[in-house]
Amino acid sequence: MELSGLQKKVTPIQGDAKSLPFSRSCSDLVVCIHGIRSFQNREAVVKTVREMLRVSKERVFLAESAPLARNMAQKAHLAIYNLRRQVFLVLGHGDWGGIPYFQQKELERIAKEAGAMKTNVKLIDVDMPHHLAYFPAKIIEKIQDEKLRDNLKQKWKKALKMLERYGEEQPPVITVNAWKK
């Protein structure tokens, strides 16, 4: 914040996104960029978007990766990313995030279910590297069930080979503008 010159204009707040400590209609725009995938499940996403709409004067803006691969680097990203959730759930850590990316139509349905009266949804190719999906194999080693552990480890090795061969690229991004009225 200091480097951007915004430290006097932005107040960082940590809390539950499903229950924001703000009054109704207090923000010009509420934004969530690549945060949807960090929620526990679809229900938590709907509650959060509903809360974003509550504190917004007019609209909210969401941006999230799409589960689409237009090239091998994007396919490599999806291979390792989609494996994360499986591993986290087996370990009993669904709270570690990494829910599957939502399809474009599903993000629109979520916004409407949360109370948006109007939406504008777009798919954008961003053409940039992406390195956040990787997780170390040692996490898989913690799985007690040997057969399941070996199966997931094989999938991880295959995904890692894809990453090494093709790199990792950001899949297309879905943007959602959702208006209250």
Protein backbone atom coordinates (compact mmCIF):
# COMPACT_ATOMS: atom_id res chain seq x y z
CA MET A 1 0.00 0.00 0.00
CA GLU A 2 2.84 2.33 0.82
CA LEU A 3 4.54 1.82 -2.55
CA SER A 4 1.28 2.48 -4.38
CA GLY A 5 0.66 5.69 -2.43
CA LEU A 6 -2.70 4.42 -1.18
CA GLN A 7 -1.86 3.84 2.48
CA LYS A 8 -3.93 6.88 3.56
CA LYS A 9 -6.90 5.89 1.39
CA VAL A 10 -7.19 2.20 2.18
CA THR A 11 -7.86 0.62 5.54
CA PRO A 12 -7.09 -3.10 5.60
CA ILE A 13 -9.69 -5.14 7.46
CA GLN A 14 -9.62 -8.83 8.22
CA GLY A 15 -12.91 -10.61 8.77
CA ASP A 16 -15.53 -12.98 7.44
CA ALA A 17 -16.57 -12.02 3.91
CA LYS A 18 -20.04 -13.43 4.58
CA SER A 19 -20.59 -10.84 7.31
CA LEU A 20 -18.83 -7.58 6.50
CA PRO A 21 -18.55 -4.95 9.27
CA PHE A 22 -20.02 -2.19 7.11
CA SER A 23 -23.37 -0.47 6.87
CA ARG A 24 -25.70 -1.02 3.94
CA SER A 25 -24.73 0.70 0.67
CA CYS A 26 -21.51 2.20 2.02
CA SER A 27 -19.16 1.37 -0.90
CA ASP A 28 -19.18 2.70 -4.43
CA LEU A 29 -17.88 -0.62 -5.76
CA VAL A 30 -17.12 -3.94 -4.08
CA VAL A 31 -14.54 -6.09 -5.84
CA CYS A 32 -13.42 -9.72 -5.50
CA ILE A 33 -10.59 -10.68 -7.84
CA HIS A 34 -9.55 -14.33 -7.86
CA GLY A 35 -10.97 -14.84 -4.39
CA ILE A 36 -14.06 -16.92 -5.16
CA ARG A 37 -11.99 -20.09 -5.41
CA SER A 38 -10.78 -19.61 -1.84
CA PHE A 39 -14.21 -20.07 -0.28
CA GLN A 40 -15.27 -23.36 1.24
CA ASN A 41 -18.12 -24.14 -1.17
CA ARG A 42 -20.73 -22.70 -3.52
CA GLU A 43 -23.06 -21.74 -0.66
CA ALA A 44 -20.30 -19.61 0.92
CA VAL A 45 -19.74 -17.91 -2.45
CA VAL A 46 -23.45 -17.02 -2.76
CA LYS A 47 -23.51 -15.64 0.81
CA THR A 48 -20.41 -13.58 0.15
CA VAL A 49 -21.73 -12.11 -3.11
CA ARG A 50 -25.01 -11.32 -1.32
CA GLU A 51 -23.02 -9.51 1.37
CA MET A 52 -20.98 -7.67 -1.27
CA LEU A 53 -24.23 -6.49 -2.86
CA ARG A 54 -25.54 -5.39 0.55
CA VAL A 55 -22.61 -3.06 1.20
CA SER A 56 -22.37 -1.79 -2.37
CA LYS A 57 -24.20 1.33 -3.50
CA GLU A 58 -24.70 0.06 -7.02
CA ARG A 59 -22.73 -2.99 -8.13
CA VAL A 60 -20.08 -5.59 -7.46
CA PHE A 61 -17.30 -6.82 -9.70
CA LEU A 62 -16.01 -10.41 -9.67
CA ALA A 63 -13.12 -11.87 -11.62
CA GLU A 64 -12.26 -15.55 -11.47
CA SER A 65 -10.42 -18.10 -13.53
CA ALA A 66 -12.50 -20.19 -15.91
CA PRO A 67 -12.12 -23.98 -16.07
CA LEU A 68 -11.08 -23.70 -19.72
CA ALA A 69 -7.80 -24.57 -21.36
CA ARG A 70 -7.02 -23.01 -24.72
CA ASN A 71 -3.43 -24.27 -24.75
CA MET A 72 -1.20 -26.82 -23.03
CA ALA A 73 0.14 -24.36 -20.42
CA GLN A 74 -3.43 -23.65 -19.31
CA LYS A 75 -4.17 -27.37 -19.34
CA ALA A 76 -1.12 -27.91 -17.11
CA HIS A 77 -2.39 -25.28 -14.69
CA LEU A 78 -5.82 -26.91 -14.51
CA ALA A 79 -4.30 -30.38 -14.03
CA ILE A 80 -2.40 -29.36 -10.89
CA TYR A 81 -5.06 -26.94 -9.65
CA ASN A 82 -7.90 -29.49 -9.86
CA LEU A 83 -5.77 -32.00 -7.97
CA ARG A 84 -5.37 -29.62 -5.01
CA ARG A 85 -9.00 -29.86 -3.90
CA GLN A 86 -9.00 -33.66 -4.07
CA VAL A 87 -5.92 -33.84 -1.87
CA PHE A 88 -7.17 -31.23 0.61
CA LEU A 89 -10.51 -33.02 1.03
CA VAL A 90 -8.88 -36.41 1.61
CA LEU A 91 -6.73 -34.81 4.31
CA GLY A 92 -9.84 -33.29 5.91
CA HIS A 93 -8.81 -29.74 4.98
CA GLY A 94 -11.55 -28.49 2.69
CA ASP A 95 -10.91 -25.16 4.41
CA TRP A 96 -7.54 -24.88 2.64
CA GLY A 97 -9.40 -23.52 -0.38
CA GLY A 98 -9.07 -24.45 -3.97
CA ILE A 99 -12.70 -25.18 -4.85
CA PRO A 100 -13.13 -25.96 -8.55
CA TYR A 101 -13.37 -23.02 -10.91
CA PHE A 102 -16.96 -22.19 -11.79
CA GLN A 103 -18.24 -22.13 -15.36
CA GLN A 104 -19.28 -18.76 -16.77
CA LYS A 105 -23.03 -19.50 -16.55
CA GLU A 106 -22.65 -20.74 -12.98
CA LEU A 107 -20.97 -17.50 -11.84
CA GLU A 108 -23.84 -15.59 -13.40
CA ARG A 109 -26.38 -17.83 -11.59
CA ILE A 110 -24.52 -17.25 -8.31
CA ALA A 111 -24.71 -13.45 -8.76
CA LYS A 112 -28.43 -13.62 -9.49
CA GLU A 113 -29.08 -16.03 -6.63
CA ALA A 114 -27.26 -13.56 -4.35
CA GLY A 115 -29.71 -10.84 -5.40
CA ALA A 116 -28.23 -9.16 -8.47
CA MET A 117 -30.95 -7.67 -10.65
CA LYS A 118 -28.73 -7.35 -13.72
CA THR A 119 -25.43 -8.93 -14.73
CA ASN A 120 -22.85 -8.50 -17.45
CA VAL A 121 -20.55 -11.50 -17.81
CA LYS A 122 -17.50 -11.72 -20.06
CA LEU A 123 -14.74 -14.19 -20.76
CA ILE A 124 -11.30 -12.61 -21.20
CA ASP A 125 -8.06 -14.19 -22.37
CA VAL A 126 -5.33 -12.63 -20.24
CA ASP A 127 -2.22 -14.27 -21.74
CA MET A 128 -0.07 -14.27 -18.62
CA PRO A 129 1.86 -16.80 -16.55
CA HIS A 130 0.30 -18.32 -13.49
CA HIS A 131 2.20 -20.08 -10.72
CA LEU A 132 -0.24 -20.39 -7.84
CA ALA A 133 -1.63 -23.88 -8.42
CA TYR A 134 1.50 -25.84 -7.50
CA PHE A 135 1.67 -27.63 -4.17
CA PRO A 136 4.46 -29.93 -2.90
CA ALA A 137 4.19 -33.72 -3.04
CA LYS A 138 4.90 -33.91 0.69
CA ILE A 139 1.28 -32.87 1.28
CA ILE A 140 0.12 -36.02 -0.53
CA GLU A 141 2.48 -38.12 1.63
CA LYS A 142 0.27 -37.27 4.63
CA ILE A 143 -2.63 -39.32 3.21
CA GLN A 144 -3.06 -42.49 5.28
CA ASP A 145 -4.87 -44.63 2.69
CA GLU A 146 -2.01 -46.12 0.67
CA LYS A 147 -4.02 -46.86 -2.48
CA LEU A 148 -5.55 -43.38 -2.55
CA ARG A 149 -2.18 -41.77 -1.74
CA ASP A 150 -0.47 -43.64 -4.59
CA ASN A 151 -3.24 -42.77 -7.03
CA LEU A 152 -3.10 -39.06 -6.19
CA LYS A 153 0.69 -39.08 -6.24
CA GLN A 154 0.65 -40.53 -9.78
CA LYS A 155 -1.78 -37.82 -10.89
CA TRP A 156 0.46 -35.20 -9.24
CA LYS A 157 3.55 -36.52 -11.05
CA LYS A 158 1.70 -36.42 -14.37
CA ALA A 159 0.54 -32.83 -13.70
CA LEU A 160 4.06 -31.83 -12.65
CA LYS A 161 5.47 -33.20 -15.92
CA MET A 162 2.96 -31.06 -17.80
CA LEU A 163 4.04 -28.00 -15.80
CA GLU A 164 7.69 -28.72 -16.52
CA ARG A 165 7.07 -29.25 -20.22
CA TYR A 166 4.55 -26.50 -21.01
CA GLY A 167 4.82 -24.04 -18.14
CA GLU A 168 1.76 -22.75 -16.38
CA GLU A 169 -0.52 -20.10 -17.82
CA GLN A 170 -3.55 -18.31 -16.44
CA PRO A 171 -6.74 -19.76 -17.93
CA PRO A 172 -9.25 -17.31 -19.38
CA VAL A 173 -10.86 -15.09 -16.74
CA ILE A 174 -14.58 -14.65 -16.21
CA THR A 175 -15.62 -11.14 -15.19
CA VAL A 176 -19.01 -10.47 -13.66
CA ASN A 177 -20.51 -7.05 -13.11
CA ALA A 178 -23.60 -7.47 -10.94
CA TRP A 179 -25.98 -4.59 -10.23
CA LYS A 180 -28.33 -4.23 -7.28
CA LYS A 181 -31.08 -2.42 -9.19
